[in-house]
């Protein structure tokens, strides 16, 4: 797969998630998103945190579109 768009539902190996960022050399896939506890949120820019998986271009052929 070589065409991606933000929010696209994909699977890379055993990890499923949504495309978060696209660059010429890599993409990131958000595989988990969770809310930060309120006592810690005051020190954060966002109320939610993300776990992102970085996939370099030479592995894009292993990324599967979940919509197909």
PDB file of N, CA and C in Angstrom:
ATOM      1  N   UNK A   1       0.840  -1.171   0.000  1.00  0.00           N
ATOM      2  CA  UNK A   1       0.000   0.000   0.000  1.00  0.00           C
ATOM      3  C   UNK A   1       0.891   1.242   0.000  1.00  0.00           C
ATOM      4  N   UNK A   2       0.589   2.199  -0.861  1.00  0.00           N
ATOM      5  CA  UNK A   2       1.414   3.407  -0.952  1.00  0.00           C
ATOM      6  C   UNK A   2       0.630   4.702  -0.797  1.00  0.00           C
ATOM      7  N   UNK A   3      -0.686   4.622  -0.791  1.00  0.00           N
ATOM      8  CA  UNK A   3      -1.518   5.813  -0.646  1.00  0.00           C
ATOM      9  C   UNK A   3      -2.181   5.807   0.728  1.00  0.00           C
ATOM     10  N   UNK A   4      -1.934   6.835   1.513  1.00  0.00           N
ATOM     11  CA  UNK A   4      -2.507   6.929   2.853  1.00  0.00           C
ATOM     12  C   UNK A   4      -3.200   8.271   3.026  1.00  0.00           C
ATOM     13  N   UNK A   5      -4.134   8.333   3.988  1.00  0.00           N
ATOM     14  CA  UNK A   5      -4.755   9.597   4.362  1.00  0.00           C
ATOM     15  C   UNK A   5      -4.985   9.586   5.870  1.00  0.00           C
ATOM     16  N   UNK A   6      -4.955  10.749   6.512  1.00  0.00           N
ATOM     17  CA  UNK A   6      -5.141  10.814   7.963  1.00  0.00           C
ATOM     18  C   UNK A   6      -6.494  10.214   8.370  1.00  0.00           C
ATOM     19  N   UNK A   7      -6.471   9.414   9.423  1.00  0.00           N
ATOM     20  CA  UNK A   7      -7.684   8.787   9.921  1.00  0.00           C
ATOM     21  C   UNK A   7      -8.011   7.453   9.277  1.00  0.00           C
ATOM     22  N   UNK A   8      -7.247   7.059   8.281  1.00  0.00           N
ATOM     23  CA  UNK A   8      -7.472   5.791   7.585  1.00  0.00           C
ATOM     24  C   UNK A   8      -7.248   4.615   8.538  1.00  0.00           C
ATOM     25  N   UNK A   9      -8.174   3.674   8.555  1.00  0.00           N
ATOM     26  CA  UNK A   9      -8.071   2.488   9.400  1.00  0.00           C
ATOM     27  C   UNK A   9      -7.179   1.454   8.706  1.00  0.00           C
ATOM     28  N   UNK A  10      -6.072   1.085   9.368  1.00  0.00           N
ATOM     29  CA  UNK A  10      -5.087   0.190   8.769  1.00  0.00           C
ATOM     30  C   UNK A  10      -4.612  -0.845   9.789  1.00  0.00           C
ATOM     31  N   UNK A  11      -3.953  -1.881   9.276  1.00  0.00           N
ATOM     32  CA  UNK A  11      -3.302  -2.882  10.109  1.00  0.00           C
ATOM     33  C   UNK A  11      -1.882  -3.073   9.607  1.00  0.00           C
ATOM     34  N   UNK A  12      -0.931  -3.044  10.540  1.00  0.00           N
ATOM     35  CA  UNK A  12       0.470  -3.337  10.231  1.00  0.00           C
ATOM     36  C   UNK A  12       0.889  -4.482  11.144  1.00  0.00           C
ATOM     37  N   UNK A  13       1.144  -5.610  10.524  1.00  0.00           N
ATOM     38  CA  UNK A  13       1.447  -6.835  11.266  1.00  0.00           C
ATOM     39  C   UNK A  13       0.301  -7.107  12.241  1.00  0.00           C
ATOM     40  N   UNK A  14       0.550  -7.193  13.551  1.00  0.00           N
ATOM     41  CA  UNK A  14      -0.541  -7.491  14.481  1.00  0.00           C
ATOM     42  C   UNK A  14      -1.164  -6.242  15.094  1.00  0.00           C
ATOM     43  N   UNK A  15      -0.781  -5.052  14.621  1.00  0.00           N
ATOM     44  CA  UNK A  15      -1.261  -3.802  15.198  1.00  0.00           C
ATOM     45  C   UNK A  15      -2.266  -3.110  14.275  1.00  0.00           C
ATOM     46  N   UNK A  16      -3.447  -2.837  14.808  1.00  0.00           N
ATOM     47  CA  UNK A  16      -4.465  -2.097  14.058  1.00  0.00           C
ATOM     48  C   UNK A  16      -4.623  -0.712  14.658  1.00  0.00           C
ATOM     49  N   UNK A  17      -4.906   0.259  13.796  1.00  0.00           N
ATOM     50  CA  UNK A  17      -5.098   1.624  14.264  1.00  0.00           C
ATOM     51  C   UNK A  17      -5.443   2.540  13.119  1.00  0.00           C
ATOM     52  N   UNK A  18      -5.253   3.835  13.341  1.00  0.00           N
ATOM     53  CA  UNK A  18      -5.566   4.853  12.339  1.00  0.00           C
ATOM     54  C   UNK A  18      -4.315   5.636  11.977  1.00  0.00           C
ATOM     55  N   UNK A  19      -4.175   5.945  10.695  1.00  0.00           N
ATOM     56  CA  UNK A  19      -3.041   6.738  10.229  1.00  0.00           C
ATOM     57  C   UNK A  19      -3.123   8.115  10.881  1.00  0.00           C
ATOM     58  N   UNK A  20      -2.038   8.523  11.504  1.00  0.00           N
ATOM     59  CA  UNK A  20      -1.995   9.788  12.228  1.00  0.00           C
ATOM     60  C   UNK A  20      -1.171  10.841  11.478  1.00  0.00           C
ATOM     61  N   UNK A  21      -0.018  10.453  10.972  1.00  0.00           N
ATOM     62  CA  UNK A  21       0.889  11.400  10.315  1.00  0.00           C
ATOM     63  C   UNK A  21       1.498  10.733   9.090  1.00  0.00           C
ATOM     64  N   UNK A  22       1.665  11.522   8.034  1.00  0.00           N
ATOM     65  CA  UNK A  22       2.214  10.998   6.783  1.00  0.00           C
ATOM     66  C   UNK A  22       3.388  11.872   6.356  1.00  0.00           C
ATOM     67  N   UNK A  23       4.514  11.234   6.104  1.00  0.00           N
ATOM     68  CA  UNK A  23       5.717  11.902   5.625  1.00  0.00           C
ATOM     69  C   UNK A  23       6.195  11.136   4.395  1.00  0.00           C
ATOM     70  N   UNK A  24       7.127  11.689   3.665  1.00  0.00           N
ATOM     71  CA  UNK A  24       7.672  10.978   2.504  1.00  0.00           C
ATOM     72  C   UNK A  24       8.416   9.708   2.897  1.00  0.00           C
ATOM     73  N   UNK A  25       8.986   9.686   4.103  1.00  0.00           N
ATOM     74  CA  UNK A  25       9.811   8.564   4.530  1.00  0.00           C
ATOM     75  C   UNK A  25       9.117   7.599   5.488  1.00  0.00           C
ATOM     76  N   UNK A  26       8.040   8.040   6.151  1.00  0.00           N
ATOM     77  CA  UNK A  26       7.376   7.188   7.135  1.00  0.00           C
ATOM     78  C   UNK A  26       5.944   7.649   7.376  1.00  0.00           C
ATOM     79  N   UNK A  27       5.155   6.771   8.009  1.00  0.00           N
ATOM     80  CA  UNK A  27       3.837   7.136   8.527  1.00  0.00           C
ATOM     81  C   UNK A  27       3.807   6.759  10.006  1.00  0.00           C
ATOM     82  N   UNK A  28       2.900   7.366  10.751  1.00  0.00           N
ATOM     83  CA  UNK A  28       2.641   6.902  12.108  1.00  0.00           C
ATOM     84  C   UNK A  28       1.205   6.405  12.171  1.00  0.00           C
ATOM     85  N   UNK A  29       1.030   5.326  12.921  1.00  0.00           N
ATOM     86  CA  UNK A  29      -0.287   4.719  13.116  1.00  0.00           C
ATOM     87  C   UNK A  29      -0.598   4.784  14.609  1.00  0.00           C
ATOM     88  N   UNK A  30      -1.721   5.423  14.973  1.00  0.00           N
ATOM     89  CA  UNK A  30      -2.143   5.484  16.369  1.00  0.00           C
ATOM     90  C   UNK A  30      -2.788   4.147  16.718  1.00  0.00           C
ATOM     91  N   UNK A  31      -2.153   3.419  17.645  1.00  0.00           N
ATOM     92  CA  UNK A  31      -2.669   2.097  18.010  1.00  0.00           C
ATOM     93  C   UNK A  31      -3.389   2.113  19.361  1.00  0.00           C
ATOM     94  N   UNK A  32      -3.241   3.196  20.119  1.00  0.00           N
ATOM     95  CA  UNK A  32      -3.967   3.338  21.374  1.00  0.00           C
ATOM     96  C   UNK A  32      -4.089   4.811  21.710  1.00  0.00           C
ATOM     97  N   UNK A  33      -5.247   5.174  22.268  1.00  0.00           N
ATOM     98  CA  UNK A  33      -5.480   6.539  22.721  1.00  0.00           C
ATOM     99  C   UNK A  33      -6.217   6.445  24.051  1.00  0.00           C
ATOM    100  N   UNK A  34      -5.771   7.194  25.039  1.00  0.00           N
ATOM    101  CA  UNK A  34      -6.404   7.122  26.355  1.00  0.00           C
ATOM    102  C   UNK A  34      -6.401   8.499  27.008  1.00  0.00           C
ATOM    103  N   UNK A  35      -7.351   8.697  27.906  1.00  0.00           N
ATOM    104  CA  UNK A  35      -7.469   9.964  28.628  1.00  0.00           C
ATOM    105  C   UNK A  35      -6.480   9.994  29.781  1.00  0.00           C
ATOM    106  N   UNK A  36      -5.934  11.166  29.997  1.00  0.00           N
ATOM    107  CA  UNK A  36      -4.973  11.381  31.075  1.00  0.00           C
ATOM    108  C   UNK A  36      -5.756  11.670  32.351  1.00  0.00           C
ATOM    109  N   UNK A  37      -5.368  11.085  33.486  1.00  0.00           N
ATOM    110  CA  UNK A  37      -6.057  11.381  34.749  1.00  0.00           C
ATOM    111  C   UNK A  37      -6.063  12.884  35.030  1.00  0.00           C
ATOM    112  N   UNK A  38      -7.150  13.367  35.597  1.00  0.00           N
ATOM    113  CA  UNK A  38      -7.324  14.813  35.797  1.00  0.00           C
ATOM    114  C   UNK A  38      -6.204  15.445  36.610  1.00  0.00           C
ATOM    115  N   UNK A  39      -5.627  14.726  37.572  1.00  0.00           N
ATOM    116  CA  UNK A  39      -4.540  15.306  38.374  1.00  0.00           C
ATOM    117  C   UNK A  39      -3.271  15.528  37.556  1.00  0.00           C
ATOM    118  N   UNK A  40      -3.096  14.780  36.462  1.00  0.00           N
ATOM    119  CA  UNK A  40      -1.944  14.967  35.584  1.00  0.00           C
ATOM    120  C   UNK A  40      -2.254  15.878  34.404  1.00  0.00           C
ATOM    121  N   UNK A  41      -3.515  16.008  34.069  1.00  0.00           N
ATOM    122  CA  UNK A  41      -3.927  16.771  32.887  1.00  0.00           C
ATOM    123  C   UNK A  41      -3.543  18.246  32.977  1.00  0.00           C
ATOM    124  N   UNK A  42      -3.443  18.776  34.167  1.00  0.00           N
ATOM    125  CA  UNK A  42      -3.100  20.190  34.310  1.00  0.00           C
ATOM    126  C   UNK A  42      -1.699  20.501  33.779  1.00  0.00           C
ATOM    127  N   UNK A  43      -0.846  19.487  33.655  1.00  0.00           N
ATOM    128  CA  UNK A  43       0.514  19.679  33.164  1.00  0.00           C
ATOM    129  C   UNK A  43       0.661  19.329  31.687  1.00  0.00           C
ATOM    130  N   UNK A  44      -0.430  18.957  31.046  1.00  0.00           N
ATOM    131  CA  UNK A  44      -0.385  18.467  29.666  1.00  0.00           C
ATOM    132  C   UNK A  44      -1.077  19.430  28.710  1.00  0.00           C
ATOM    133  N   UNK A  45      -0.648  19.422  27.458  1.00  0.00           N
ATOM    134  CA  UNK A  45      -1.281  20.231  26.420  1.00  0.00           C
ATOM    135  C   UNK A  45      -2.638  19.667  26.018  1.00  0.00           C
ATOM    136  N   UNK A  46      -2.770  18.329  26.073  1.00  0.00           N
ATOM    137  CA  UNK A  46      -4.001  17.661  25.670  1.00  0.00           C
ATOM    138  C   UNK A  46      -4.527  16.806  26.819  1.00  0.00           C
ATOM    139  N   UNK A  47      -5.814  16.479  26.748  1.00  0.00           N
ATOM    140  CA  UNK A  47      -6.416  15.624  27.772  1.00  0.00           C
ATOM    141  C   UNK A  47      -6.249  14.146  27.455  1.00  0.00           C
ATOM    142  N   UNK A  48      -5.777  13.845  26.250  1.00  0.00           N
ATOM    143  CA  UNK A  48      -5.600  12.458  25.833  1.00  0.00           C
ATOM    144  C   UNK A  48      -4.147  12.232  25.399  1.00  0.00           C
ATOM    145  N   UNK A  49      -3.717  10.999  25.565  1.00  0.00           N
ATOM    146  CA  UNK A  49      -2.373  10.604  25.126  1.00  0.00           C
ATOM    147  C   UNK A  49      -2.520   9.534  24.052  1.00  0.00           C
ATOM    148  N   UNK A  50      -1.491   9.411  23.216  1.00  0.00           N
ATOM    149  CA  UNK A  50      -1.516   8.442  22.122  1.00  0.00           C
ATOM    150  C   UNK A  50      -0.269   7.564  22.154  1.00  0.00           C
ATOM    151  N   UNK A  51      -0.468   6.335  21.684  1.00  0.00           N
ATOM    152  CA  UNK A  51       0.648   5.434  21.411  1.00  0.00           C
ATOM    153  C   UNK A  51       0.692   5.305  19.894  1.00  0.00           C
ATOM    154  N   UNK A  52       1.801   5.723  19.286  1.00  0.00           N
ATOM    155  CA  UNK A  52       1.937   5.706  17.829  1.00  0.00           C
ATOM    156  C   UNK A  52       3.037   4.748  17.398  1.00  0.00           C
ATOM    157  N   UNK A  53       2.760   4.062  16.317  1.00  0.00           N
ATOM    158  CA  UNK A  53       3.712   3.128  15.726  1.00  0.00           C
ATOM    159  C   UNK A  53       4.280   3.774  14.463  1.00  0.00           C
ATOM    160  N   UNK A  54       5.587   3.839  14.353  1.00  0.00           N
ATOM    161  CA  UNK A  54       6.239   4.428  13.193  1.00  0.00           C
ATOM    162  C   UNK A  54       6.547   3.328  12.183  1.00  0.00           C
ATOM    163  N   UNK A  55       6.128   3.537  10.930  1.00  0.00           N
ATOM    164  CA  UNK A  55       6.367   2.549   9.875  1.00  0.00           C
ATOM    165  C   UNK A  55       7.123   3.245   8.740  1.00  0.00           C
ATOM    166  N   UNK A  56       8.341   2.815   8.498  1.00  0.00           N
ATOM    167  CA  UNK A  56       9.143   3.401   7.434  1.00  0.00           C
ATOM    168  C   UNK A  56       8.650   2.960   6.060  1.00  0.00           C
ATOM    169  N   UNK A  57       8.944   3.769   5.057  1.00  0.00           N
ATOM    170  CA  UNK A  57       8.470   3.557   3.690  1.00  0.00           C
ATOM    171  C   UNK A  57       8.763   2.151   3.164  1.00  0.00           C
ATOM    172  N   UNK A  58       9.912   1.600   3.478  1.00  0.00           N
ATOM    173  CA  UNK A  58      10.251   0.278   2.937  1.00  0.00           C
ATOM    174  C   UNK A  58       9.400  -0.841   3.534  1.00  0.00           C
ATOM    175  N   UNK A  59       8.511  -0.535   4.500  1.00  0.00           N
ATOM    176  CA  UNK A  59       7.571  -1.520   5.055  1.00  0.00           C
ATOM    177  C   UNK A  59       6.115  -1.196   4.709  1.00  0.00           C
ATOM    178  N   UNK A  60       5.884  -0.152   3.930  1.00  0.00           N
ATOM    179  CA  UNK A  60       4.512   0.240   3.601  1.00  0.00           C
ATOM    180  C   UNK A  60       3.750  -0.868   2.886  1.00  0.00           C
ATOM    181  N   UNK A  61       4.443  -1.737   2.169  1.00  0.00           N
ATOM    182  CA  UNK A  61       3.762  -2.827   1.468  1.00  0.00           C
ATOM    183  C   UNK A  61       3.105  -3.809   2.443  1.00  0.00           C
ATOM    184  N   UNK A  62       3.503  -3.759   3.727  1.00  0.00           N
ATOM    185  CA  UNK A  62       2.917  -4.636   4.734  1.00  0.00           C
ATOM    186  C   UNK A  62       1.689  -4.018   5.422  1.00  0.00           C
ATOM    187  N   UNK A  63       1.422  -2.742   5.152  1.00  0.00           N
ATOM    188  CA  UNK A  63       0.279  -2.061   5.761  1.00  0.00           C
ATOM    189  C   UNK A  63      -0.977  -2.398   4.960  1.00  0.00           C
ATOM    190  N   UNK A  64      -2.001  -2.902   5.655  1.00  0.00           N
ATOM    191  CA  UNK A  64      -3.244  -3.292   5.014  1.00  0.00           C
ATOM    192  C   UNK A  64      -4.342  -2.286   5.326  1.00  0.00           C
ATOM    193  N   UNK A  65      -5.143  -1.958   4.330  1.00  0.00           N
ATOM    194  CA  UNK A  65      -6.288  -1.064   4.498  1.00  0.00           C
ATOM    195  C   UNK A  65      -7.435  -1.880   5.082  1.00  0.00           C
ATOM    196  N   UNK A  66      -7.939  -1.509   6.244  1.00  0.00           N
ATOM    197  CA  UNK A  66      -9.029  -2.250   6.885  1.00  0.00           C
ATOM    198  C   UNK A  66     -10.379  -2.057   6.191  1.00  0.00           C
ATOM    199  N   UNK A  67     -10.471  -1.074   5.335  1.00  0.00           N
ATOM    200  CA  UNK A  67     -11.733  -0.793   4.635  1.00  0.00           C
ATOM    201  C   UNK A  67     -11.920  -1.667   3.414  1.00  0.00           C
ATOM    202  N   UNK A  68     -10.881  -2.345   2.957  1.00  0.00           N
ATOM    203  CA  UNK A  68     -10.990  -3.156   1.744  1.00  0.00           C
ATOM    204  C   UNK A  68     -11.206  -4.598   2.072  1.00  0.00           C
TER     205      UNK A  68
END
